């Protein structure tokens, strides 16, 4: 069967979870008043293991934790800025802290990464969550670039008796990877293109545009590499550091605040620890909130990390 070229990460995960729920009565799915045809189907098929807690994200984490402590394997779904920030105390105390003492298998599906809800304004932009979740021990942090990867995460997630935060894009996206691709979630990244001069590192939906740049810009082949980083913690930091050593210049690209501990913070630490002379440029959102109305492409351009901005910086290092 040919899979569709466009799909949301949310629907890919729900489809994968539903297939597992048919065979495993320990799996529960909770949502904080989100609606979608895929969720309607899930509620219809599993009425005794589907719960809508209403517009109450903190209770979403509380109820999910209670089920997980009883041995259930739990998925909770909410909007990214509210799951990560409104529930930060619950995530810290109920999940990160408690999971150090006993298994807590809960997967937080946080929909709306970055500027996914572009027209809803800064209250709905999720620009802080990468940095926030990275501060918490005992929490896995997943940031997929396409829906194939998102769906493939479900079996891995069910096998890990730890809390997991999944930063999901809110828009339908094309696929990057074939459905048969074997993802190494313990390693945490994929090398999409190799080069010998400039290394680009992106996460989430931004990987699509960066990959297009790499494939279609003359003179970049064999000189510009691209790494798709999808697991922030845990991950094989030694393997990633070894990849970074292939380049004299590294450029990080994230739809989140720069200089606050997100993708650029992780990469800068590995570069410093390598003690090699590698420059690092960080593309992302400067330390301000955007009240402008516009498309996602417009907001990225307004923040200085549109395609032309990235291309100009790469070209200066290739001269």
Protein backbone atom coordinates (compact mmCIF):
# COMPACT_ATOMS: atom_id res chain seq x y z
CA UNK A 1 0.00 0.00 0.00
CA UNK A 2 1.31 3.47 -0.88
CA UNK A 3 1.38 5.81 2.09
CA UNK A 4 0.14 9.41 1.65
CA UNK A 5 2.78 12.04 0.99
CA UNK A 6 1.26 14.58 3.41
CA UNK A 7 0.24 13.73 6.96
CA UNK A 8 0.37 15.24 10.43
CA UNK A 9 2.66 13.79 13.04
CA UNK A 10 -0.34 13.62 15.38
CA UNK A 11 -2.34 11.40 13.03
CA UNK A 12 0.65 9.15 12.33
CA UNK A 13 1.15 8.59 16.05
CA UNK A 14 -2.55 8.06 16.78
CA UNK A 15 -2.76 5.50 13.98
CA UNK A 16 0.24 3.65 15.37
CA UNK A 17 -1.11 3.80 18.94
CA UNK A 18 -4.52 2.52 17.81
CA UNK A 19 -2.92 -0.51 16.18
CA UNK A 20 -1.13 -1.29 19.45
CA UNK A 21 -4.28 -0.74 21.55
CA UNK A 22 -6.05 -3.50 19.59
CA UNK A 23 -3.61 -6.02 21.06
CA UNK A 24 -2.64 -4.46 24.39
CA UNK A 25 -5.24 -3.53 26.99
CA UNK A 26 -2.65 -1.70 29.13
CA UNK A 27 -2.46 1.26 26.73
CA UNK A 28 -4.53 4.37 27.53
CA UNK A 29 -4.94 7.61 25.57
CA UNK A 30 -5.86 10.96 27.18
CA UNK A 31 -6.45 14.37 25.63
CA UNK A 32 -7.01 17.91 26.88
CA UNK A 33 -10.07 18.76 24.77
CA UNK A 34 -8.38 18.46 21.38
CA UNK A 35 -10.44 17.37 18.41
CA UNK A 36 -9.60 15.54 15.21
CA UNK A 37 -11.20 12.77 13.11
CA UNK A 38 -8.42 10.41 14.19
CA UNK A 39 -9.20 11.13 17.84
CA UNK A 40 -12.93 10.61 17.24
CA UNK A 41 -12.15 7.18 15.80
CA UNK A 42 -9.90 6.33 18.72
CA UNK A 43 -12.63 7.29 21.21
CA UNK A 44 -15.17 5.21 19.27
CA UNK A 45 -12.94 2.13 19.12
CA UNK A 46 -11.65 2.27 22.72
CA UNK A 47 -14.27 4.08 24.85
CA UNK A 48 -13.01 2.47 28.06
CA UNK A 49 -9.38 3.53 27.48
CA UNK A 50 -9.86 7.02 26.03
CA UNK A 51 -10.39 10.06 28.25
CA UNK A 52 -10.92 13.74 27.56
CA UNK A 53 -10.02 15.66 30.73
CA UNK A 54 -11.20 18.94 29.25
CA UNK A 55 -9.25 22.18 29.07
CA UNK A 56 -7.15 21.17 32.06
CA UNK A 57 -3.63 20.28 31.00
CA UNK A 58 -2.33 20.00 34.56
CA UNK A 59 -4.95 17.35 35.29
CA UNK A 60 -3.97 15.68 32.02
CA UNK A 61 -0.53 15.03 33.50
CA UNK A 62 -1.93 14.15 36.93
CA UNK A 63 -4.43 11.58 35.62
CA UNK A 64 -1.88 10.18 33.16
CA UNK A 65 0.65 9.78 35.97
CA UNK A 66 -1.88 7.95 38.12
CA UNK A 67 -2.61 5.47 35.34
CA UNK A 68 1.10 4.97 34.66
CA UNK A 69 1.75 4.26 38.34
CA UNK A 70 -0.84 1.49 38.13
CA UNK A 71 1.15 -0.16 35.36
CA UNK A 72 -0.62 1.33 32.35
CA UNK A 73 1.23 2.69 29.34
CA UNK A 74 -0.16 6.14 28.73
CA UNK A 75 -0.24 8.69 25.90
CA UNK A 76 -1.44 12.23 26.65
CA UNK A 77 -2.17 14.81 23.96
CA UNK A 78 -2.23 18.59 24.29
CA UNK A 79 -1.10 21.86 22.70
CA UNK A 80 2.66 22.41 23.01
CA UNK A 81 2.92 25.72 24.94
CA UNK A 82 0.29 24.60 27.45
CA UNK A 83 1.66 21.08 27.99
CA UNK A 84 5.23 22.31 28.43
CA UNK A 85 4.65 25.51 30.40
CA UNK A 86 1.29 25.28 32.19
CA UNK A 87 2.24 21.78 33.33
CA UNK A 88 5.91 22.29 34.07
CA UNK A 89 5.53 21.69 37.82
CA UNK A 90 3.50 18.52 37.21
CA UNK A 91 6.03 17.26 34.66
CA UNK A 92 8.88 17.98 37.06
CA UNK A 93 7.36 16.49 40.22
CA UNK A 94 5.08 13.76 38.87
CA UNK A 95 7.28 12.54 36.05
CA UNK A 96 10.94 13.61 36.04
CA UNK A 97 11.35 13.37 39.81
CA UNK A 98 9.16 10.32 40.48
CA UNK A 99 10.50 8.31 37.54
CA UNK A 100 13.91 8.28 39.21
CA UNK A 101 12.35 6.05 41.86
CA UNK A 102 9.97 3.85 39.85
CA UNK A 103 8.83 3.21 36.26
CA UNK A 104 6.43 5.79 34.80
CA UNK A 105 5.61 4.98 31.18
CA UNK A 106 3.91 8.11 29.89
CA UNK A 107 4.36 9.80 26.53
CA UNK A 108 3.41 13.47 26.20
CA UNK A 109 2.31 14.33 22.67
CA UNK A 110 2.86 18.07 22.54
CA UNK A 111 1.35 19.41 19.30
CA UNK A 112 2.29 22.79 17.86
CA UNK A 113 6.08 23.01 17.81
CA UNK A 114 7.54 26.43 17.11
CA UNK A 115 5.32 28.54 14.87
CA UNK A 116 2.89 25.72 14.02
CA UNK A 117 -0.01 27.89 15.23
CA UNK A 118 1.38 30.90 13.41
CA UNK A 119 -1.81 32.98 13.22
CA UNK A 120 -2.70 32.42 16.89
CA UNK A 121 0.03 34.73 18.11
CA UNK A 122 2.75 34.44 20.74
CA UNK A 123 0.56 32.75 23.37
CA UNK A 124 0.37 29.73 21.06
CA UNK A 125 3.94 29.79 19.73
CA UNK A 126 6.04 27.06 21.38
CA UNK A 127 9.52 28.57 21.39
CA UNK A 128 10.66 27.71 24.91
CA UNK A 129 9.81 24.01 25.23
CA UNK A 130 13.06 22.53 23.89
CA UNK A 131 15.10 24.47 26.44
CA UNK A 132 12.62 23.85 29.27
CA UNK A 133 12.40 20.10 28.79
CA UNK A 134 16.18 19.80 28.47
CA UNK A 135 16.54 21.05 32.05
CA UNK A 136 14.71 18.01 33.46
CA UNK A 137 16.58 14.80 34.30
CA UNK A 138 14.97 11.41 33.56
CA UNK A 139 12.88 12.82 30.71
CA UNK A 140 13.27 11.73 27.09
CA UNK A 141 12.91 14.49 24.51
CA UNK A 142 11.86 13.64 20.94
CA UNK A 143 11.65 16.17 18.08
CA UNK A 144 10.78 14.35 14.83
CA UNK A 145 11.20 15.85 11.38
CA UNK A 146 8.45 13.92 9.59
CA UNK A 147 5.38 11.81 10.23
CA UNK A 148 7.10 8.55 9.30
CA UNK A 149 9.56 9.05 12.14
CA UNK A 150 6.76 10.11 14.49
CA UNK A 151 4.77 6.94 13.84
CA UNK A 152 7.87 4.75 14.22
CA UNK A 153 8.48 6.23 17.68
CA UNK A 154 5.41 4.53 19.19
CA UNK A 155 6.84 0.99 19.57
CA UNK A 156 10.04 2.45 21.03
CA UNK A 157 8.03 4.65 23.39
CA UNK A 158 5.96 1.73 24.67
CA UNK A 159 9.15 -0.19 25.44
CA UNK A 160 10.68 2.60 27.55
CA UNK A 161 9.29 2.81 31.13
CA UNK A 162 10.20 6.51 31.36
CA UNK A 163 8.47 9.85 30.74
CA UNK A 164 8.80 11.13 27.18
CA UNK A 165 8.09 14.58 25.70
CA UNK A 166 7.34 14.54 21.97
CA UNK A 167 7.59 17.91 20.25
CA UNK A 168 5.23 17.47 17.30
CA UNK A 169 4.70 19.88 14.44
CA UNK A 170 1.09 20.90 13.93
CA UNK A 171 1.08 21.02 10.12
CA UNK A 172 0.71 18.23 7.55
CA UNK A 173 4.19 17.49 6.21
CA UNK A 174 5.67 15.42 3.40
CA UNK A 175 7.82 12.47 4.26
CA UNK A 176 11.62 12.58 4.41
CA UNK A 177 12.13 8.91 5.24
CA UNK A 178 10.67 5.76 3.65
CA UNK A 179 8.24 3.80 5.80
CA UNK A 180 10.73 0.92 6.00
CA UNK A 181 13.47 3.12 7.50
CA UNK A 182 14.99 1.71 10.71
CA UNK A 183 15.42 4.63 13.11
CA UNK A 184 18.02 4.36 15.85
CA UNK A 185 16.31 6.21 18.69
CA UNK A 186 19.23 5.48 20.99
CA UNK A 187 21.66 7.26 18.64
CA UNK A 188 19.20 10.10 18.11
CA UNK A 189 20.14 11.60 14.76
CA UNK A 190 20.35 10.88 11.03
CA UNK A 191 23.00 12.14 8.59
CA UNK A 192 21.04 13.25 5.53
CA UNK A 193 24.00 14.66 3.59
CA UNK A 194 27.75 14.57 4.14
CA UNK A 195 30.22 17.36 3.51
CA UNK A 196 33.74 18.46 4.38
CA UNK A 197 33.35 22.15 5.23
CA UNK A 198 30.02 23.30 6.72
CA UNK A 199 27.73 21.18 8.87
CA UNK A 200 24.06 22.11 9.24
CA UNK A 201 22.12 20.69 12.20
CA UNK A 202 18.35 21.08 12.26
CA UNK A 203 15.43 19.59 14.16
CA UNK A 204 11.71 19.22 13.53
CA UNK A 205 9.94 20.54 10.45
CA UNK A 206 12.82 22.89 9.62
CA UNK A 207 14.74 19.88 8.34
CA UNK A 208 12.50 19.82 5.24
CA UNK A 209 13.54 23.28 4.07
CA UNK A 210 17.19 22.81 4.99
CA UNK A 211 17.33 19.51 3.11
CA UNK A 212 15.83 21.21 0.05
CA UNK A 213 18.52 23.89 0.26
CA UNK A 214 21.26 21.27 0.47
CA UNK A 215 19.96 19.29 -2.47
CA UNK A 216 19.21 22.21 -4.78
CA UNK A 217 21.97 24.77 -4.15
CA UNK A 218 24.85 24.51 -6.67
CA UNK A 219 28.24 23.91 -5.10
CA UNK A 220 26.95 22.49 -1.83
CA UNK A 221 27.25 18.79 -2.64
CA UNK A 222 30.19 17.17 -0.82
CA UNK A 223 30.92 20.47 0.95
CA UNK A 224 27.80 20.98 3.11
CA UNK A 225 26.52 18.28 5.44
CA UNK A 226 23.11 18.01 7.11
CA UNK A 227 22.27 16.27 10.38
CA UNK A 228 18.65 15.73 11.42
CA UNK A 229 18.68 15.67 15.24
CA UNK A 230 15.54 14.07 16.65
CA UNK A 231 16.45 12.82 20.13
CA UNK A 232 17.76 15.47 22.51
CA UNK A 233 17.90 13.20 25.52
CA UNK A 234 19.01 10.52 25.79
CA UNK A 235 21.21 10.37 22.72
CA UNK A 236 24.64 9.17 21.66
CA UNK A 237 26.56 12.38 22.29
CA UNK A 238 29.89 10.78 21.39
CA UNK A 239 28.57 9.77 17.97
CA UNK A 240 27.19 13.27 17.36
CA UNK A 241 30.41 14.89 18.51
CA UNK A 242 32.36 12.71 16.07
CA UNK A 243 30.12 13.95 13.27
CA UNK A 244 30.73 17.56 14.27
CA UNK A 245 34.49 17.03 14.00
CA UNK A 246 34.07 16.61 10.22
CA UNK A 247 33.41 20.34 9.86
CA UNK A 248 35.19 23.62 10.46
CA UNK A 249 31.87 25.49 10.67
CA UNK A 250 28.61 24.35 12.30
CA UNK A 251 25.23 26.04 11.85
CA UNK A 252 22.29 25.09 14.11
CA UNK A 253 18.74 25.78 12.93
CA UNK A 254 15.74 25.54 15.27
CA UNK A 255 12.26 27.00 15.54
CA UNK A 256 12.83 28.09 19.10
CA UNK A 257 14.69 30.75 21.05
CA UNK A 258 18.44 30.78 20.45
CA UNK A 259 20.91 31.23 23.27
CA UNK A 260 18.49 29.74 25.80
CA UNK A 261 19.60 26.13 25.96
CA UNK A 262 17.86 24.51 22.99
CA UNK A 263 19.54 22.89 19.99
CA UNK A 264 22.34 25.47 19.89
CA UNK A 265 23.06 24.91 23.57
CA UNK A 266 23.49 21.18 23.07
CA UNK A 267 25.75 21.60 20.02
CA UNK A 268 27.86 24.36 21.57
CA UNK A 269 28.57 22.17 24.62
CA UNK A 270 29.74 19.28 22.44
CA UNK A 271 31.95 21.59 20.38
CA UNK A 272 33.53 23.11 23.50
CA UNK A 273 34.16 19.64 24.94
CA UNK A 274 35.85 18.57 21.69
CA UNK A 275 38.51 21.30 22.16
CA UNK A 276 38.61 21.74 18.39
CA UNK A 277 38.57 25.04 16.48
CA UNK A 278 35.02 24.87 15.13
CA UNK A 279 32.84 27.95 14.74
CA UNK A 280 29.13 27.70 15.60
CA UNK A 281 26.37 29.95 14.25
CA UNK A 282 22.85 29.65 15.67
CA UNK A 283 19.74 30.33 13.61
CA UNK A 284 16.41 30.57 15.37
CA UNK A 285 14.15 33.04 17.15
CA UNK A 286 15.85 36.01 18.86
CA UNK A 287 14.88 36.81 22.45
CA UNK A 288 11.56 38.50 21.70
CA UNK A 289 7.96 37.49 21.10
CA UNK A 290 6.38 38.04 17.70
CA UNK A 291 3.04 39.83 17.56
CA UNK A 292 3.16 40.21 13.78
CA UNK A 293 0.54 38.31 11.77
CA UNK A 294 1.80 36.29 8.86
CA UNK A 295 2.62 32.90 7.47
CA UNK A 296 5.16 30.61 9.00
CA UNK A 297 7.61 31.46 6.23
CA UNK A 298 7.10 35.16 7.00
CA UNK A 299 7.75 34.66 10.72
CA UNK A 300 10.94 32.70 10.04
CA UNK A 301 12.11 35.41 7.68
CA UNK A 302 11.27 38.09 10.26
CA UNK A 303 13.47 36.23 12.76
CA UNK A 304 16.38 36.00 10.32
CA UNK A 305 16.34 32.30 9.52
CA UNK A 306 14.59 32.17 6.18
CA UNK A 307 16.19 30.14 3.34
CA UNK A 308 18.09 33.15 1.99
CA UNK A 309 19.56 33.93 5.42
CA UNK A 310 20.85 30.38 5.81
CA UNK A 311 22.17 30.29 2.25
CA UNK A 312 24.13 33.54 2.66
CA UNK A 313 25.81 32.35 5.84
CA UNK A 314 26.78 29.00 4.33
CA UNK A 315 28.14 30.66 1.19
CA UNK A 316 30.42 32.95 3.18
CA UNK A 317 32.08 29.87 4.71
CA UNK A 318 32.47 28.20 1.32
CA UNK A 319 34.45 31.05 -0.26
